[in-house]
N, C-alpha and C. Protein backbone atom coordinates (compact mmCIF):
# COMPACT_ATOMS: atom_id res chain seq x y z
N MET A 1 92.16 129.40 106.72
CA MET A 1 92.97 130.15 107.66
C MET A 1 93.37 131.46 106.99
N THR A 2 93.18 132.58 107.71
CA THR A 2 93.58 133.87 107.18
C THR A 2 95.02 134.16 107.59
N ASP A 3 95.56 135.23 107.00
CA ASP A 3 96.93 135.62 107.32
C ASP A 3 97.08 135.98 108.80
N ALA A 4 96.01 136.44 109.42
CA ALA A 4 96.07 136.87 110.82
C ALA A 4 96.07 135.68 111.79
N GLU A 5 95.62 134.54 111.36
CA GLU A 5 95.54 133.38 112.25
C GLU A 5 96.89 132.66 112.29
N PRO A 6 97.38 132.38 113.51
CA PRO A 6 98.65 131.64 113.58
C PRO A 6 98.43 130.18 113.18
N GLU A 7 99.50 129.57 112.70
CA GLU A 7 99.42 128.15 112.38
C GLU A 7 99.29 127.36 113.68
N PRO A 8 98.40 126.37 113.72
CA PRO A 8 98.31 125.55 114.92
C PRO A 8 99.63 124.80 115.13
N LEU A 9 99.96 124.57 116.39
CA LEU A 9 101.21 123.90 116.74
C LEU A 9 100.96 122.43 117.05
N LEU A 10 101.76 121.56 116.44
CA LEU A 10 101.79 120.14 116.75
C LEU A 10 103.09 119.87 117.51
N VAL A 11 102.98 119.26 118.69
CA VAL A 11 104.17 118.91 119.47
C VAL A 11 104.36 117.40 119.35
N PHE A 12 105.42 117.00 118.68
CA PHE A 12 105.65 115.59 118.36
C PHE A 12 106.44 114.86 119.42
N ASP A 13 106.03 113.61 119.64
CA ASP A 13 106.76 112.67 120.46
C ASP A 13 107.68 111.85 119.56
N ASN A 14 108.65 111.23 120.16
CA ASN A 14 109.61 110.42 119.41
C ASN A 14 108.96 109.22 118.71
N THR A 15 107.89 108.67 119.26
CA THR A 15 107.28 107.49 118.62
C THR A 15 106.93 107.78 117.17
N CYS A 16 106.37 108.93 116.92
CA CYS A 16 105.98 109.30 115.55
C CYS A 16 107.21 109.66 114.72
N LEU A 17 108.05 110.52 115.25
CA LEU A 17 109.22 110.96 114.49
C LEU A 17 110.11 109.79 114.10
N SER A 18 110.39 108.90 115.04
CA SER A 18 111.26 107.76 114.74
C SER A 18 110.62 106.78 113.76
N ALA A 19 109.30 106.61 113.84
CA ALA A 19 108.63 105.72 112.89
C ALA A 19 108.78 106.24 111.47
N PHE A 20 108.54 107.53 111.27
CA PHE A 20 108.68 108.12 109.93
C PHE A 20 110.14 108.09 109.47
N ALA A 21 111.07 108.36 110.38
CA ALA A 21 112.49 108.33 110.02
C ALA A 21 112.92 106.91 109.64
N SER A 22 112.49 105.93 110.41
CA SER A 22 112.85 104.53 110.14
C SER A 22 112.35 104.07 108.79
N ALA A 23 111.17 104.56 108.40
CA ALA A 23 110.58 104.19 107.12
C ALA A 23 111.05 105.11 105.98
N HIS A 24 112.00 106.00 106.28
CA HIS A 24 112.53 106.95 105.29
C HIS A 24 111.41 107.84 104.73
N LEU A 25 110.50 108.24 105.63
CA LEU A 25 109.34 109.04 105.23
C LEU A 25 109.32 110.43 105.88
N MET A 26 110.47 110.92 106.33
CA MET A 26 110.48 112.25 106.95
C MET A 26 110.02 113.34 105.98
N PRO A 27 110.40 113.30 104.70
CA PRO A 27 109.86 114.32 103.78
C PRO A 27 108.32 114.23 103.67
N VAL A 28 107.80 113.02 103.77
CA VAL A 28 106.34 112.84 103.73
C VAL A 28 105.71 113.45 104.97
N LEU A 29 106.31 113.21 106.13
CA LEU A 29 105.79 113.80 107.37
C LEU A 29 105.81 115.32 107.28
N LYS A 30 106.87 115.85 106.75
CA LYS A 30 106.95 117.31 106.59
C LYS A 30 105.80 117.81 105.71
N ASP A 31 105.52 117.11 104.62
CA ASP A 31 104.40 117.49 103.74
C ASP A 31 103.05 117.34 104.45
N LEU A 32 102.90 116.29 105.24
CA LEU A 32 101.64 116.06 105.96
C LEU A 32 101.35 117.17 106.96
N THR A 33 102.40 117.81 107.44
CA THR A 33 102.23 118.83 108.48
C THR A 33 102.23 120.26 107.93
N LEU A 34 102.21 120.41 106.60
CA LEU A 34 102.12 121.75 106.03
C LEU A 34 100.86 122.42 106.55
N GLY A 35 100.98 123.68 106.93
CA GLY A 35 99.85 124.40 107.51
C GLY A 35 99.86 124.35 109.02
N TYR A 36 100.81 123.62 109.58
CA TYR A 36 100.99 123.55 111.03
C TYR A 36 102.39 124.03 111.36
N ARG A 37 102.57 124.52 112.56
CA ARG A 37 103.90 124.69 113.11
C ARG A 37 104.22 123.37 113.79
N VAL A 38 105.44 122.89 113.65
CA VAL A 38 105.81 121.58 114.19
C VAL A 38 106.95 121.76 115.18
N GLY A 39 106.77 121.18 116.37
CA GLY A 39 107.80 121.31 117.38
C GLY A 39 108.04 120.01 118.13
N ALA A 40 109.13 120.00 118.85
CA ALA A 40 109.48 118.88 119.73
C ALA A 40 110.24 119.45 120.91
N THR A 41 110.17 118.75 122.02
CA THR A 41 110.89 119.17 123.21
C THR A 41 112.33 118.69 123.13
N GLU A 42 113.17 119.22 123.99
CA GLU A 42 114.57 118.79 124.04
C GLU A 42 114.67 117.31 124.38
N ALA A 43 113.82 116.84 125.29
CA ALA A 43 113.85 115.42 125.67
C ALA A 43 113.53 114.54 124.48
N VAL A 44 112.57 114.95 123.66
CA VAL A 44 112.21 114.17 122.46
C VAL A 44 113.35 114.21 121.45
N ARG A 45 113.92 115.37 121.24
CA ARG A 45 115.04 115.48 120.30
C ARG A 45 116.21 114.59 120.75
N ASP A 46 116.49 114.59 122.05
CA ASP A 46 117.57 113.74 122.58
C ASP A 46 117.24 112.26 122.37
N GLU A 47 115.99 111.89 122.62
CA GLU A 47 115.56 110.49 122.44
C GLU A 47 115.66 110.09 120.97
N PHE A 48 115.24 110.98 120.08
CA PHE A 48 115.31 110.73 118.64
C PHE A 48 116.76 110.49 118.21
N CYS A 49 117.66 111.35 118.68
CA CYS A 49 119.06 111.26 118.28
C CYS A 49 119.81 110.12 118.96
N ALA A 50 119.28 109.61 120.06
CA ALA A 50 119.92 108.48 120.74
C ALA A 50 119.71 107.19 119.96
N GLY A 51 118.70 107.17 119.10
CA GLY A 51 118.44 106.00 118.26
C GLY A 51 119.26 106.07 116.99
N PRO A 52 118.87 105.31 115.99
CA PRO A 52 119.64 105.28 114.73
C PRO A 52 119.38 106.49 113.85
N ASN A 53 118.70 107.49 114.39
CA ASN A 53 118.29 108.66 113.61
C ASN A 53 119.36 109.74 113.63
N ASN A 54 119.18 110.71 112.77
CA ASN A 54 120.11 111.83 112.65
C ASN A 54 119.33 113.11 112.92
N VAL A 55 119.91 114.01 113.69
CA VAL A 55 119.23 115.27 113.99
C VAL A 55 118.90 116.05 112.72
N ALA A 56 119.64 115.84 111.65
CA ALA A 56 119.34 116.51 110.37
C ALA A 56 117.96 116.12 109.85
N ASP A 57 117.50 114.91 110.22
CA ASP A 57 116.17 114.46 109.79
C ASP A 57 115.05 115.33 110.35
N ILE A 58 115.32 115.98 111.49
CA ILE A 58 114.27 116.80 112.10
C ILE A 58 114.69 118.26 112.20
N ALA A 59 115.59 118.68 111.34
CA ALA A 59 116.04 120.08 111.35
C ALA A 59 114.87 121.03 111.12
N TRP A 60 113.84 120.57 110.44
CA TRP A 60 112.67 121.41 110.15
C TRP A 60 111.69 121.47 111.32
N VAL A 61 111.94 120.70 112.38
CA VAL A 61 111.08 120.68 113.56
C VAL A 61 111.64 121.68 114.58
N ASP A 62 110.80 122.62 115.01
CA ASP A 62 111.25 123.62 115.98
C ASP A 62 111.55 122.97 117.32
N LEU A 63 112.65 123.36 117.93
CA LEU A 63 112.96 122.94 119.29
C LEU A 63 112.22 123.90 120.22
N LEU A 64 111.34 123.35 121.04
CA LEU A 64 110.49 124.18 121.90
C LEU A 64 111.13 124.36 123.27
N PRO A 65 111.51 125.59 123.61
CA PRO A 65 112.10 125.83 124.92
C PRO A 65 111.03 125.73 126.01
N GLU A 66 111.46 125.44 127.22
CA GLU A 66 110.52 125.38 128.33
C GLU A 66 109.88 126.75 128.52
N GLN A 67 108.61 126.74 128.97
CA GLN A 67 107.85 127.97 129.13
C GLN A 67 107.64 128.37 130.59
N GLY A 68 108.61 128.10 131.43
CA GLY A 68 108.54 128.59 132.80
C GLY A 68 107.77 127.69 133.75
N MET A 69 107.29 128.30 134.82
CA MET A 69 106.69 127.58 135.93
C MET A 69 105.44 126.79 135.52
N ASP A 70 104.60 127.35 134.68
CA ASP A 70 103.39 126.63 134.26
C ASP A 70 103.74 125.30 133.60
N GLU A 71 104.77 125.32 132.77
CA GLU A 71 105.17 124.08 132.11
C GLU A 71 105.79 123.10 133.10
N LEU A 72 106.55 123.60 134.05
CA LEU A 72 107.14 122.72 135.06
C LEU A 72 106.07 122.06 135.92
N VAL A 73 105.05 122.80 136.27
CA VAL A 73 103.94 122.24 137.05
C VAL A 73 103.22 121.18 136.23
N ALA A 74 102.95 121.47 134.96
CA ALA A 74 102.30 120.49 134.09
C ALA A 74 103.18 119.26 133.91
N LEU A 75 104.48 119.47 133.74
CA LEU A 75 105.41 118.36 133.59
C LEU A 75 105.38 117.46 134.82
N ALA A 76 105.36 118.04 135.99
CA ALA A 76 105.31 117.24 137.22
C ALA A 76 104.06 116.37 137.26
N GLU A 77 102.93 116.92 136.81
CA GLU A 77 101.69 116.14 136.79
C GLU A 77 101.78 114.97 135.81
N TYR A 78 102.35 115.22 134.63
CA TYR A 78 102.47 114.14 133.65
C TYR A 78 103.52 113.10 134.06
N VAL A 79 104.60 113.54 134.68
CA VAL A 79 105.60 112.59 135.17
C VAL A 79 104.98 111.69 136.24
N GLN A 80 104.19 112.29 137.11
CA GLN A 80 103.53 111.49 138.15
C GLN A 80 102.57 110.47 137.53
N ALA A 81 101.87 110.86 136.48
CA ALA A 81 100.90 109.96 135.84
C ALA A 81 101.56 108.92 134.95
N LEU A 82 102.62 109.31 134.24
CA LEU A 82 103.25 108.43 133.25
C LEU A 82 104.45 107.66 133.79
N GLY A 83 105.16 108.25 134.72
CA GLY A 83 106.42 107.69 135.19
C GLY A 83 107.56 108.57 134.70
N ALA A 84 108.76 108.24 135.14
CA ALA A 84 109.91 109.07 134.79
C ALA A 84 110.97 108.28 134.04
N GLY A 85 110.57 107.17 133.42
CA GLY A 85 111.52 106.42 132.60
C GLY A 85 111.96 107.23 131.41
N GLU A 86 112.97 106.75 130.72
CA GLU A 86 113.54 107.49 129.59
C GLU A 86 112.47 107.87 128.57
N HIS A 87 111.62 106.92 128.18
CA HIS A 87 110.60 107.21 127.17
C HIS A 87 109.41 107.94 127.77
N ASP A 88 109.09 107.63 129.02
CA ASP A 88 107.98 108.31 129.69
C ASP A 88 108.25 109.81 129.82
N LEU A 89 109.49 110.17 130.07
CA LEU A 89 109.84 111.58 130.22
C LEU A 89 109.61 112.34 128.91
N GLY A 90 109.91 111.71 127.79
CA GLY A 90 109.66 112.35 126.50
C GLY A 90 108.18 112.66 126.33
N GLU A 91 107.32 111.67 126.60
CA GLU A 91 105.89 111.92 126.47
C GLU A 91 105.40 112.97 127.47
N ALA A 92 105.93 112.91 128.69
CA ALA A 92 105.53 113.90 129.70
C ALA A 92 105.88 115.31 129.24
N THR A 93 107.07 115.49 128.65
CA THR A 93 107.45 116.83 128.18
C THR A 93 106.58 117.27 127.00
N VAL A 94 106.22 116.33 126.14
CA VAL A 94 105.35 116.65 125.01
C VAL A 94 103.99 117.13 125.50
N PHE A 95 103.40 116.41 126.43
CA PHE A 95 102.07 116.78 126.94
C PHE A 95 102.12 118.12 127.68
N ALA A 96 103.15 118.31 128.51
CA ALA A 96 103.28 119.57 129.25
C ALA A 96 103.48 120.75 128.29
N SER A 97 104.35 120.56 127.31
CA SER A 97 104.62 121.62 126.33
C SER A 97 103.36 121.95 125.54
N ALA A 98 102.66 120.93 125.08
CA ALA A 98 101.42 121.16 124.32
C ALA A 98 100.37 121.84 125.19
N GLN A 99 100.26 121.41 126.43
CA GLN A 99 99.25 121.99 127.33
C GLN A 99 99.46 123.49 127.52
N VAL A 100 100.68 123.92 127.85
CA VAL A 100 100.91 125.34 128.13
C VAL A 100 100.85 126.19 126.86
N ARG A 101 101.05 125.58 125.71
CA ARG A 101 101.01 126.33 124.45
C ARG A 101 99.66 126.26 123.75
N GLY A 102 98.72 125.48 124.30
CA GLY A 102 97.44 125.29 123.63
C GLY A 102 97.61 124.55 122.32
N ALA A 103 98.58 123.64 122.28
CA ALA A 103 98.93 122.90 121.07
C ALA A 103 98.33 121.50 121.10
N ILE A 104 98.56 120.76 120.04
CA ILE A 104 98.12 119.37 119.92
C ILE A 104 99.34 118.48 120.09
N ALA A 105 99.26 117.53 121.02
CA ALA A 105 100.34 116.56 121.22
C ALA A 105 100.14 115.42 120.23
N ILE A 106 101.23 114.98 119.62
CA ILE A 106 101.19 113.88 118.65
C ILE A 106 102.09 112.76 119.15
N THR A 107 101.46 111.63 119.50
CA THR A 107 102.21 110.45 119.95
C THR A 107 101.48 109.19 119.49
N ASP A 108 102.24 108.15 119.25
CA ASP A 108 101.65 106.86 118.92
C ASP A 108 101.73 105.89 120.10
N ASP A 109 102.09 106.39 121.27
CA ASP A 109 102.14 105.56 122.47
C ASP A 109 100.72 105.47 123.03
N ALA A 110 100.10 104.30 122.89
CA ALA A 110 98.70 104.13 123.28
C ALA A 110 98.49 104.34 124.78
N THR A 111 99.40 103.84 125.60
CA THR A 111 99.25 103.99 127.05
C THR A 111 99.36 105.46 127.45
N ALA A 112 100.35 106.15 126.92
CA ALA A 112 100.51 107.57 127.23
C ALA A 112 99.30 108.38 126.75
N THR A 113 98.77 108.03 125.59
CA THR A 113 97.60 108.72 125.07
C THR A 113 96.41 108.55 126.01
N LYS A 114 96.17 107.34 126.48
CA LYS A 114 95.06 107.09 127.41
C LYS A 114 95.21 107.91 128.68
N ILE A 115 96.42 107.96 129.20
CA ILE A 115 96.66 108.72 130.43
C ILE A 115 96.43 110.21 130.19
N ALA A 116 96.96 110.75 129.10
CA ALA A 116 96.79 112.18 128.80
C ALA A 116 95.31 112.51 128.59
N ARG A 117 94.58 111.64 127.93
CA ARG A 117 93.15 111.90 127.72
C ARG A 117 92.37 111.82 129.03
N ARG A 118 92.83 110.98 129.94
CA ARG A 118 92.17 110.89 131.24
C ARG A 118 92.40 112.18 132.04
N ILE A 119 93.58 112.74 131.94
CA ILE A 119 93.90 113.99 132.64
C ILE A 119 93.10 115.16 132.04
N LYS A 120 92.83 115.10 130.74
CA LYS A 120 91.95 116.05 130.04
C LYS A 120 92.44 117.49 130.02
N LYS A 121 93.74 117.68 129.95
CA LYS A 121 94.25 119.05 129.88
C LYS A 121 94.97 119.33 128.57
N VAL A 122 95.06 118.31 127.70
CA VAL A 122 95.77 118.49 126.44
C VAL A 122 95.07 117.66 125.37
N GLU A 123 95.03 118.20 124.16
CA GLU A 123 94.51 117.45 123.02
C GLU A 123 95.63 116.57 122.51
N VAL A 124 95.35 115.28 122.36
CA VAL A 124 96.39 114.35 121.94
C VAL A 124 95.87 113.44 120.83
N HIS A 125 96.69 113.25 119.80
CA HIS A 125 96.36 112.39 118.67
C HIS A 125 97.63 111.68 118.23
N GLY A 126 97.47 110.80 117.21
CA GLY A 126 98.61 110.05 116.70
C GLY A 126 98.79 110.21 115.21
N SER A 127 99.69 109.42 114.68
CA SER A 127 100.02 109.49 113.25
C SER A 127 98.82 109.20 112.36
N LEU A 128 97.96 108.27 112.77
CA LEU A 128 96.79 107.96 111.93
C LEU A 128 95.85 109.16 111.84
N TRP A 129 95.66 109.86 112.93
CA TRP A 129 94.85 111.07 112.93
C TRP A 129 95.45 112.09 111.96
N LEU A 130 96.78 112.23 112.02
CA LEU A 130 97.46 113.17 111.14
C LEU A 130 97.28 112.78 109.68
N LEU A 131 97.36 111.49 109.38
CA LEU A 131 97.16 111.02 108.00
C LEU A 131 95.73 111.28 107.53
N ILE A 132 94.77 111.05 108.40
CA ILE A 132 93.37 111.30 108.02
C ILE A 132 93.14 112.80 107.82
N ARG A 133 93.73 113.63 108.67
CA ARG A 133 93.63 115.09 108.47
C ARG A 133 94.23 115.49 107.12
N ALA A 134 95.39 114.90 106.80
CA ALA A 134 96.04 115.20 105.53
C ALA A 134 95.16 114.77 104.36
N TYR A 135 94.51 113.63 104.49
CA TYR A 135 93.57 113.16 103.46
C TYR A 135 92.42 114.17 103.32
N ARG A 136 91.84 114.56 104.44
CA ARG A 136 90.72 115.51 104.42
C ARG A 136 91.12 116.85 103.81
N ASP A 137 92.39 117.23 104.01
CA ASP A 137 92.89 118.50 103.47
C ASP A 137 93.39 118.39 102.03
N GLY A 138 93.29 117.18 101.43
CA GLY A 138 93.70 116.99 100.05
C GLY A 138 95.20 116.84 99.85
N LYS A 139 95.95 116.57 100.93
CA LYS A 139 97.40 116.41 100.82
C LYS A 139 97.80 115.03 100.34
N VAL A 140 96.97 114.03 100.63
CA VAL A 140 97.20 112.66 100.17
C VAL A 140 95.87 112.05 99.77
N ASN A 141 95.92 111.07 98.87
CA ASN A 141 94.70 110.35 98.53
C ASN A 141 94.63 109.07 99.37
N GLU A 142 93.52 108.34 99.25
CA GLU A 142 93.34 107.12 100.05
C GLU A 142 94.46 106.12 99.84
N GLN A 143 94.83 105.90 98.58
CA GLN A 143 95.87 104.91 98.28
C GLN A 143 97.19 105.29 98.94
N ARG A 144 97.58 106.55 98.82
CA ARG A 144 98.86 106.99 99.40
C ARG A 144 98.82 106.91 100.93
N ALA A 145 97.71 107.31 101.53
CA ALA A 145 97.59 107.21 102.99
C ALA A 145 97.73 105.76 103.44
N SER A 146 97.08 104.85 102.72
CA SER A 146 97.18 103.42 103.04
C SER A 146 98.60 102.91 102.89
N GLU A 147 99.29 103.35 101.84
CA GLU A 147 100.69 102.95 101.62
C GLU A 147 101.59 103.45 102.75
N ILE A 148 101.34 104.65 103.22
CA ILE A 148 102.15 105.21 104.31
C ILE A 148 101.96 104.38 105.57
N VAL A 149 100.71 104.04 105.89
CA VAL A 149 100.44 103.21 107.08
C VAL A 149 101.18 101.88 106.96
N ASP A 150 101.09 101.24 105.81
CA ASP A 150 101.76 99.95 105.63
C ASP A 150 103.28 100.08 105.71
N ALA A 151 103.84 101.15 105.18
CA ALA A 151 105.29 101.37 105.26
C ALA A 151 105.73 101.57 106.71
N LEU A 152 104.94 102.31 107.48
CA LEU A 152 105.26 102.53 108.89
C LEU A 152 105.14 101.23 109.68
N ARG A 153 104.09 100.47 109.41
CA ARG A 153 103.91 99.19 110.10
C ARG A 153 105.03 98.21 109.76
N ALA A 154 105.50 98.25 108.52
CA ALA A 154 106.59 97.36 108.11
C ALA A 154 107.88 97.66 108.87
N ARG A 155 108.00 98.87 109.38
CA ARG A 155 109.18 99.27 110.15
C ARG A 155 108.93 99.20 111.66
N GLY A 156 107.79 98.60 112.06
CA GLY A 156 107.56 98.35 113.48
C GLY A 156 106.52 99.22 114.16
N ALA A 157 105.94 100.18 113.46
CA ALA A 157 104.90 101.00 114.08
C ALA A 157 103.69 100.13 114.40
N ARG A 158 103.11 100.36 115.57
CA ARG A 158 101.96 99.57 115.99
C ARG A 158 100.70 100.42 115.93
N TYR A 159 99.83 100.08 115.01
CA TYR A 159 98.57 100.79 114.83
C TYR A 159 97.42 99.80 114.95
N PRO A 160 96.22 100.31 115.21
CA PRO A 160 95.07 99.41 115.33
C PRO A 160 94.53 98.91 114.00
N CYS A 161 95.17 99.30 112.90
CA CYS A 161 94.72 98.86 111.58
C CYS A 161 95.90 98.87 110.62
N ASP A 162 95.73 98.19 109.50
CA ASP A 162 96.73 98.28 108.44
C ASP A 162 96.21 99.29 107.41
N GLY A 163 96.97 99.46 106.35
CA GLY A 163 96.58 100.44 105.33
C GLY A 163 95.23 100.18 104.71
N ALA A 164 94.92 98.91 104.46
CA ALA A 164 93.63 98.56 103.84
C ALA A 164 92.46 98.87 104.77
N GLU A 165 92.70 98.86 106.06
CA GLU A 165 91.63 99.09 107.05
C GLU A 165 91.56 100.54 107.53
N LEU A 166 92.51 101.38 107.11
CA LEU A 166 92.62 102.74 107.62
C LEU A 166 91.32 103.53 107.55
N PHE A 167 90.67 103.51 106.40
CA PHE A 167 89.49 104.37 106.24
C PHE A 167 88.26 103.82 106.95
N SER A 168 88.14 102.51 107.06
CA SER A 168 87.04 101.97 107.86
C SER A 168 87.29 102.27 109.34
N TRP A 169 88.55 102.18 109.78
CA TRP A 169 88.91 102.54 111.15
C TRP A 169 88.57 104.01 111.40
N ALA A 170 88.94 104.89 110.47
CA ALA A 170 88.68 106.32 110.61
C ALA A 170 87.18 106.62 110.64
N ARG A 171 86.43 105.93 109.78
CA ARG A 171 84.97 106.13 109.77
C ARG A 171 84.36 105.74 111.10
N SER A 172 84.83 104.62 111.68
CA SER A 172 84.27 104.15 112.94
C SER A 172 84.54 105.11 114.08
N ARG A 173 85.48 106.02 113.90
CA ARG A 173 85.82 107.02 114.92
C ARG A 173 85.40 108.44 114.50
N ASN A 174 84.60 108.52 113.45
CA ASN A 174 84.10 109.81 112.95
C ASN A 174 85.21 110.78 112.60
N LEU A 175 86.32 110.29 112.10
CA LEU A 175 87.44 111.16 111.75
C LEU A 175 87.34 111.71 110.33
N LEU A 176 86.41 111.20 109.56
CA LEU A 176 86.29 111.68 108.17
C LEU A 176 85.25 112.78 107.99
N GLU A 177 84.61 113.13 109.06
CA GLU A 177 83.56 114.17 108.98
C GLU A 177 84.13 115.56 109.00
């Protein structure tokens, strides 16, 4: 990346932020996202703070203001597809915000991810994708990435693999290329 290129934006959902906070890995998440701009919507920040988390844990995450009518139209589409429950609204705002900004949505909600990918207007990935990207970028080694997955799973994160299976899972999805 040259100085003229802006940092890509990652728009985080509460599923990822709360998992890292619960496992006391917020500094690790911050390191994993170096080279990216990191943001969250107001709905996600509210959801994060409604749990056992502290807003200070995400002080380094930019609060993304709404971007006008285009974002409202996108939000309406995602609310219709996902629902308007407390957690669904957070994901809907993440997808709408990422869509209008040309950003990458980051969520570990498998159902929301499937719906967003079906709509095909936003790029969406999860924590495992982020860990594999960090590995590819030399930010973590295989052992550390595996330890992070296991620490997150120990605090309730639901992933399709454990730490020992992470790299075979990533290979099967061509994420290491």
